[in-house]
């Protein structure tokens, strides 16, 4: 018995399995590519995806500003908020964490809800005298 290319002397049909995948049609000799083997066609991002990225960028910039330049935020923090410097720092961390979560498919819905609630909570600070 001679050795077949890709096969062995013990199993000469082994090379045929490489040439005929399990998804080839039994009625034709053509080898059809599996759908997962085909290249994907990039699609344009949807408006929702673009807005999600924009919101993540907005909250990231806000979070960095809360951490790097906290004084304007401390100045508008209502008097009834205890430890304003620490609260401003914490809100910066929350904004950055929320913006990262917005970009993660498993967390994006929860992140959207939490960031909306967060925006409602800090909204009074924008109207303090």
N, C-alpha and C. Protein backbone atom coordinates (compact mmCIF):
# COMPACT_ATOMS: atom_id res chain seq x y z
N UNK A 1 0.85 -1.17 0.00
CA UNK A 1 0.00 0.00 0.00
C UNK A 1 0.90 1.24 0.00
N UNK A 2 0.61 2.20 -0.86
CA UNK A 2 1.41 3.41 -0.92
C UNK A 2 0.79 4.48 -0.05
N UNK A 3 1.64 5.37 0.38
CA UNK A 3 1.17 6.45 1.24
C UNK A 3 0.46 7.51 0.39
N UNK A 4 -0.72 7.89 0.80
CA UNK A 4 -1.49 8.92 0.11
C UNK A 4 -1.11 10.29 0.67
N UNK A 5 -1.16 11.36 -0.14
CA UNK A 5 -0.89 12.69 0.42
C UNK A 5 -1.93 13.03 1.47
N UNK A 6 -1.44 13.39 2.65
CA UNK A 6 -2.34 13.79 3.73
C UNK A 6 -2.92 12.60 4.47
N UNK A 7 -2.72 11.40 3.99
CA UNK A 7 -3.25 10.21 4.63
C UNK A 7 -2.12 9.37 5.20
N UNK A 8 -2.43 8.16 5.53
CA UNK A 8 -1.41 7.26 6.04
C UNK A 8 -1.61 5.90 5.40
N UNK A 9 -0.58 5.05 5.50
CA UNK A 9 -0.67 3.71 4.93
C UNK A 9 -1.76 2.90 5.62
N UNK A 10 -1.97 3.13 6.92
CA UNK A 10 -2.99 2.40 7.66
C UNK A 10 -4.39 2.87 7.29
N UNK A 11 -4.55 4.14 7.00
CA UNK A 11 -5.86 4.70 6.72
C UNK A 11 -5.78 5.56 5.45
N UNK A 12 -5.85 4.94 4.29
CA UNK A 12 -5.70 5.72 3.05
C UNK A 12 -6.85 6.69 2.81
N UNK A 13 -8.03 6.45 3.42
CA UNK A 13 -9.17 7.35 3.23
C UNK A 13 -9.07 8.61 4.09
N UNK A 14 -8.09 8.67 4.98
CA UNK A 14 -7.94 9.83 5.86
C UNK A 14 -7.81 11.13 5.07
N UNK A 15 -7.13 11.09 3.93
CA UNK A 15 -6.95 12.30 3.13
C UNK A 15 -8.27 12.76 2.53
N UNK A 16 -9.20 11.86 2.32
CA UNK A 16 -10.48 12.25 1.75
C UNK A 16 -11.29 13.10 2.72
N UNK A 17 -11.13 12.88 4.01
CA UNK A 17 -11.87 13.67 4.99
C UNK A 17 -11.42 15.12 4.98
N UNK A 18 -10.16 15.35 4.63
CA UNK A 18 -9.68 16.73 4.54
C UNK A 18 -10.25 17.43 3.32
N UNK A 19 -10.51 16.67 2.27
CA UNK A 19 -11.00 17.25 1.03
C UNK A 19 -12.51 17.37 0.99
N UNK A 20 -13.21 16.57 1.77
CA UNK A 20 -14.66 16.58 1.75
C UNK A 20 -15.17 16.86 3.16
N UNK A 21 -15.41 18.12 3.49
CA UNK A 21 -15.91 18.44 4.84
C UNK A 21 -17.32 17.90 5.03
N UNK A 22 -17.74 17.85 6.28
CA UNK A 22 -19.05 17.30 6.62
C UNK A 22 -20.21 18.09 6.01
N UNK A 23 -19.98 19.32 5.61
CA UNK A 23 -21.06 20.13 5.08
C UNK A 23 -21.11 20.12 3.55
N UNK A 24 -20.32 19.24 2.91
CA UNK A 24 -20.38 19.13 1.46
C UNK A 24 -21.67 18.38 1.08
N UNK A 25 -22.21 18.73 -0.04
CA UNK A 25 -23.43 18.10 -0.49
C UNK A 25 -23.13 16.65 -0.90
N UNK A 26 -23.93 15.67 -0.48
CA UNK A 26 -23.67 14.28 -0.85
C UNK A 26 -23.98 14.01 -2.32
N UNK A 27 -24.72 14.91 -2.98
CA UNK A 27 -25.13 14.70 -4.36
C UNK A 27 -24.22 15.38 -5.36
N UNK A 28 -23.25 16.07 -4.91
CA UNK A 28 -22.35 16.77 -5.82
C UNK A 28 -20.94 16.66 -5.28
N UNK A 29 -19.99 16.85 -6.15
CA UNK A 29 -18.59 16.77 -5.71
C UNK A 29 -18.08 18.13 -5.27
N UNK A 30 -18.91 19.16 -5.39
CA UNK A 30 -18.48 20.51 -5.00
C UNK A 30 -18.39 20.61 -3.48
N UNK A 31 -17.35 21.29 -3.02
CA UNK A 31 -17.18 21.54 -1.60
C UNK A 31 -17.70 22.94 -1.33
N UNK A 32 -18.75 23.01 -0.52
CA UNK A 32 -19.36 24.30 -0.21
C UNK A 32 -18.78 24.85 1.08
N UNK A 33 -18.48 26.15 1.12
CA UNK A 33 -17.96 26.71 2.37
C UNK A 33 -19.05 26.78 3.42
N UNK A 34 -18.66 26.58 4.64
CA UNK A 34 -19.59 26.71 5.76
C UNK A 34 -19.89 28.20 5.95
N UNK A 35 -21.12 28.59 6.30
CA UNK A 35 -21.43 30.02 6.46
C UNK A 35 -20.51 30.74 7.45
N UNK A 36 -20.03 30.04 8.48
CA UNK A 36 -19.14 30.67 9.45
C UNK A 36 -17.74 30.92 8.88
N UNK A 37 -17.43 30.23 7.76
CA UNK A 37 -16.13 30.41 7.13
C UNK A 37 -16.11 31.58 6.16
N UNK A 38 -17.27 32.10 5.82
CA UNK A 38 -17.34 33.21 4.87
C UNK A 38 -16.97 34.52 5.56
N UNK A 39 -16.34 35.44 4.84
CA UNK A 39 -16.02 36.73 5.46
C UNK A 39 -17.29 37.51 5.75
N UNK A 40 -17.25 38.28 6.81
CA UNK A 40 -18.41 39.11 7.13
C UNK A 40 -18.28 40.45 6.43
N UNK A 41 -19.41 41.01 6.11
CA UNK A 41 -19.44 42.31 5.46
C UNK A 41 -19.66 43.35 6.54
N UNK A 42 -18.72 44.30 6.68
CA UNK A 42 -18.92 45.31 7.72
C UNK A 42 -20.15 46.16 7.41
N UNK A 43 -20.91 46.44 8.43
CA UNK A 43 -22.10 47.26 8.26
C UNK A 43 -21.87 48.61 8.92
N UNK A 44 -22.60 49.58 8.46
CA UNK A 44 -22.50 50.92 9.04
C UNK A 44 -23.13 50.88 10.43
N UNK A 45 -22.52 51.61 11.38
CA UNK A 45 -23.11 51.62 12.72
C UNK A 45 -24.49 52.28 12.70
N UNK A 46 -25.36 51.78 13.53
CA UNK A 46 -26.70 52.34 13.61
C UNK A 46 -26.67 53.64 14.40
N UNK A 47 -27.73 54.39 14.32
CA UNK A 47 -27.84 55.64 15.07
C UNK A 47 -27.74 55.36 16.56
N UNK A 48 -28.33 54.27 17.01
CA UNK A 48 -28.29 53.90 18.43
C UNK A 48 -26.84 53.65 18.87
N UNK A 49 -26.06 52.97 18.04
CA UNK A 49 -24.65 52.70 18.36
C UNK A 49 -23.86 54.00 18.41
N UNK A 50 -24.10 54.87 17.45
CA UNK A 50 -23.40 56.16 17.43
C UNK A 50 -23.74 56.97 18.67
N UNK A 51 -25.01 57.00 19.05
CA UNK A 51 -25.42 57.76 20.23
C UNK A 51 -24.86 57.14 21.51
N UNK A 52 -24.79 55.80 21.55
CA UNK A 52 -24.21 55.13 22.73
C UNK A 52 -22.74 55.52 22.89
N UNK A 53 -22.00 55.54 21.79
CA UNK A 53 -20.60 55.93 21.84
C UNK A 53 -20.46 57.39 22.23
N UNK A 54 -21.33 58.24 21.70
CA UNK A 54 -21.29 59.67 22.06
C UNK A 54 -21.59 59.87 23.55
N UNK A 55 -22.57 59.14 24.07
CA UNK A 55 -22.89 59.26 25.50
C UNK A 55 -21.74 58.76 26.36
N UNK A 56 -21.11 57.66 25.93
CA UNK A 56 -19.96 57.14 26.67
C UNK A 56 -18.83 58.17 26.68
N UNK A 57 -18.59 58.81 25.55
CA UNK A 57 -17.54 59.83 25.47
C UNK A 57 -17.90 61.02 26.38
N UNK A 58 -19.16 61.44 26.37
CA UNK A 58 -19.63 62.55 27.19
C UNK A 58 -19.42 62.24 28.68
N UNK A 59 -19.86 61.07 29.12
CA UNK A 59 -19.72 60.71 30.53
C UNK A 59 -18.26 60.48 30.91
N UNK A 60 -17.45 59.98 30.01
CA UNK A 60 -16.02 59.81 30.30
C UNK A 60 -15.37 61.17 30.49
N UNK A 61 -15.66 62.12 29.60
CA UNK A 61 -15.09 63.46 29.73
C UNK A 61 -15.57 64.11 31.03
N UNK A 62 -16.84 63.96 31.35
CA UNK A 62 -17.36 64.51 32.60
C UNK A 62 -16.70 63.88 33.82
N UNK A 63 -16.52 62.57 33.78
CA UNK A 63 -15.87 61.88 34.89
C UNK A 63 -14.43 62.32 35.08
N UNK A 64 -13.71 62.47 34.00
CA UNK A 64 -12.32 62.95 34.08
C UNK A 64 -12.29 64.36 34.63
N UNK A 65 -13.21 65.19 34.19
CA UNK A 65 -13.27 66.57 34.69
C UNK A 65 -13.58 66.60 36.20
N UNK A 66 -14.48 65.73 36.65
CA UNK A 66 -14.79 65.67 38.09
C UNK A 66 -13.55 65.31 38.91
N UNK A 67 -12.69 64.47 38.36
CA UNK A 67 -11.50 64.02 39.09
C UNK A 67 -10.35 65.01 38.96
N UNK A 68 -10.12 65.50 37.75
CA UNK A 68 -8.94 66.35 37.50
C UNK A 68 -9.15 67.82 37.89
N UNK A 69 -10.36 68.31 37.78
CA UNK A 69 -10.66 69.71 38.10
C UNK A 69 -11.96 69.77 38.90
N UNK A 70 -11.94 69.35 40.17
CA UNK A 70 -13.18 69.23 40.93
C UNK A 70 -13.77 70.53 41.45
N UNK A 71 -13.01 71.61 41.49
CA UNK A 71 -13.48 72.83 42.16
C UNK A 71 -14.74 73.43 41.58
N UNK A 72 -14.93 73.50 40.26
CA UNK A 72 -16.21 74.02 39.76
C UNK A 72 -17.40 73.15 40.19
N UNK A 73 -17.18 71.85 40.29
CA UNK A 73 -18.26 70.95 40.70
C UNK A 73 -18.54 71.06 42.20
N UNK A 74 -17.48 71.24 42.97
CA UNK A 74 -17.65 71.43 44.42
C UNK A 74 -18.42 72.72 44.67
N UNK A 75 -18.14 73.75 43.87
CA UNK A 75 -18.80 75.06 44.04
C UNK A 75 -20.30 74.98 43.82
N UNK A 76 -20.77 74.07 42.95
CA UNK A 76 -22.21 73.99 42.68
C UNK A 76 -22.90 72.87 43.47
N UNK A 77 -22.14 72.18 44.31
CA UNK A 77 -22.72 71.13 45.14
C UNK A 77 -23.59 71.77 46.22
N UNK A 78 -24.84 71.31 46.35
CA UNK A 78 -25.72 71.89 47.38
C UNK A 78 -25.12 71.70 48.78
N UNK A 79 -25.47 72.63 49.68
CA UNK A 79 -24.94 72.61 51.04
C UNK A 79 -25.34 71.36 51.83
N UNK A 80 -26.47 70.76 51.49
CA UNK A 80 -26.93 69.61 52.24
C UNK A 80 -26.18 68.32 51.90
N UNK A 81 -25.29 68.36 50.89
CA UNK A 81 -24.49 67.18 50.52
C UNK A 81 -23.26 67.13 51.42
N UNK A 82 -23.09 66.04 52.19
CA UNK A 82 -21.91 65.93 53.06
C UNK A 82 -20.67 65.57 52.24
N UNK A 83 -19.51 66.01 52.70
CA UNK A 83 -18.23 65.70 52.06
C UNK A 83 -18.24 65.98 50.55
N UNK A 84 -18.44 67.24 50.16
CA UNK A 84 -18.61 67.54 48.74
C UNK A 84 -17.41 67.12 47.87
N UNK A 85 -16.20 67.29 48.37
CA UNK A 85 -15.02 66.92 47.55
C UNK A 85 -15.03 65.41 47.26
N UNK A 86 -15.30 64.60 48.26
CA UNK A 86 -15.33 63.16 48.08
C UNK A 86 -16.50 62.72 47.20
N UNK A 87 -17.63 63.40 47.34
CA UNK A 87 -18.79 63.08 46.52
C UNK A 87 -18.50 63.41 45.05
N UNK A 88 -17.86 64.54 44.79
CA UNK A 88 -17.52 64.91 43.42
C UNK A 88 -16.55 63.89 42.83
N UNK A 89 -15.55 63.47 43.62
CA UNK A 89 -14.61 62.45 43.15
C UNK A 89 -15.35 61.14 42.84
N UNK A 90 -16.23 60.73 43.74
CA UNK A 90 -16.99 59.48 43.54
C UNK A 90 -17.88 59.56 42.31
N UNK A 91 -18.49 60.73 42.08
CA UNK A 91 -19.34 60.85 40.89
C UNK A 91 -18.51 60.78 39.62
N UNK A 92 -17.27 61.24 39.67
CA UNK A 92 -16.39 61.10 38.51
C UNK A 92 -16.10 59.63 38.21
N UNK A 93 -15.83 58.86 39.26
CA UNK A 93 -15.59 57.43 39.09
C UNK A 93 -16.84 56.74 38.54
N UNK A 94 -18.00 57.11 39.07
CA UNK A 94 -19.26 56.52 38.61
C UNK A 94 -19.49 56.83 37.13
N UNK A 95 -19.21 58.05 36.72
CA UNK A 95 -19.41 58.41 35.31
C UNK A 95 -18.48 57.61 34.40
N UNK A 96 -17.23 57.45 34.79
CA UNK A 96 -16.30 56.68 33.96
C UNK A 96 -16.71 55.21 33.92
N UNK A 97 -17.06 54.65 35.06
CA UNK A 97 -17.49 53.24 35.09
C UNK A 97 -18.75 53.05 34.26
N UNK A 98 -19.69 53.98 34.37
CA UNK A 98 -20.92 53.88 33.57
C UNK A 98 -20.66 53.99 32.09
N UNK A 99 -19.73 54.84 31.70
CA UNK A 99 -19.44 54.98 30.27
C UNK A 99 -18.77 53.72 29.72
N UNK A 100 -17.93 53.08 30.52
CA UNK A 100 -17.33 51.81 30.09
C UNK A 100 -18.42 50.75 29.95
N UNK A 101 -19.33 50.70 30.92
CA UNK A 101 -20.41 49.71 30.89
C UNK A 101 -21.35 49.94 29.71
N UNK A 102 -21.52 51.19 29.28
CA UNK A 102 -22.35 51.47 28.11
C UNK A 102 -21.83 50.78 26.85
N UNK A 103 -20.54 50.53 26.80
CA UNK A 103 -19.94 49.93 25.61
C UNK A 103 -19.85 48.41 25.70
N UNK A 104 -20.31 47.85 26.80
CA UNK A 104 -20.28 46.40 26.99
C UNK A 104 -21.68 45.84 26.77
N UNK A 105 -21.86 44.98 25.77
CA UNK A 105 -23.21 44.50 25.45
C UNK A 105 -23.99 43.93 26.63
N UNK A 106 -23.35 43.19 27.51
CA UNK A 106 -24.08 42.59 28.63
C UNK A 106 -24.52 43.62 29.65
N UNK A 107 -23.85 44.78 29.72
CA UNK A 107 -24.12 45.77 30.75
C UNK A 107 -24.79 47.03 30.22
N UNK A 108 -24.93 47.16 28.92
CA UNK A 108 -25.36 48.45 28.36
C UNK A 108 -26.74 48.88 28.82
N UNK A 109 -27.70 47.96 28.93
CA UNK A 109 -29.04 48.36 29.37
C UNK A 109 -29.00 48.86 30.81
N UNK A 110 -28.37 48.08 31.70
CA UNK A 110 -28.27 48.48 33.10
C UNK A 110 -27.49 49.78 33.24
N UNK A 111 -26.42 49.93 32.47
CA UNK A 111 -25.63 51.17 32.52
C UNK A 111 -26.47 52.36 32.09
N UNK A 112 -27.29 52.20 31.06
CA UNK A 112 -28.16 53.28 30.62
C UNK A 112 -29.14 53.70 31.69
N UNK A 113 -29.75 52.73 32.34
CA UNK A 113 -30.71 53.03 33.41
C UNK A 113 -29.99 53.72 34.57
N UNK A 114 -28.85 53.18 34.98
CA UNK A 114 -28.12 53.75 36.12
C UNK A 114 -27.59 55.16 35.81
N UNK A 115 -27.11 55.39 34.60
CA UNK A 115 -26.64 56.73 34.25
C UNK A 115 -27.80 57.72 34.17
N UNK A 116 -28.96 57.26 33.73
CA UNK A 116 -30.14 58.14 33.72
C UNK A 116 -30.54 58.52 35.15
N UNK A 117 -30.53 57.54 36.05
CA UNK A 117 -30.83 57.83 37.46
C UNK A 117 -29.77 58.75 38.06
N UNK A 118 -28.53 58.50 37.72
CA UNK A 118 -27.43 59.36 38.20
C UNK A 118 -27.64 60.81 37.73
N UNK A 119 -28.00 60.97 36.46
CA UNK A 119 -28.22 62.32 35.92
C UNK A 119 -29.36 63.02 36.66
N UNK A 120 -30.40 62.28 37.02
CA UNK A 120 -31.49 62.87 37.80
C UNK A 120 -31.02 63.28 39.19
N UNK A 121 -30.15 62.48 39.78
CA UNK A 121 -29.67 62.78 41.14
C UNK A 121 -28.77 64.02 41.17
N UNK A 122 -27.96 64.24 40.16
CA UNK A 122 -27.05 65.39 40.18
C UNK A 122 -27.67 66.63 39.51
N UNK A 123 -28.84 66.47 38.95
CA UNK A 123 -29.49 67.57 38.26
C UNK A 123 -29.71 68.79 39.17
N UNK A 124 -30.12 68.65 40.43
CA UNK A 124 -30.32 69.83 41.28
C UNK A 124 -29.06 70.68 41.44
N UNK A 125 -27.89 70.09 41.37
CA UNK A 125 -26.67 70.85 41.51
C UNK A 125 -26.50 71.88 40.40
N UNK A 126 -27.09 71.62 39.25
CA UNK A 126 -27.00 72.56 38.12
C UNK A 126 -27.86 73.79 38.33
N UNK A 127 -28.76 73.76 39.31
CA UNK A 127 -29.64 74.89 39.55
C UNK A 127 -29.41 75.54 40.91
N UNK A 128 -28.34 75.16 41.59
CA UNK A 128 -28.09 75.76 42.91
C UNK A 128 -27.62 77.19 42.72
N UNK A 129 -28.00 78.09 43.65
CA UNK A 129 -27.65 79.51 43.50
C UNK A 129 -26.17 79.79 43.73
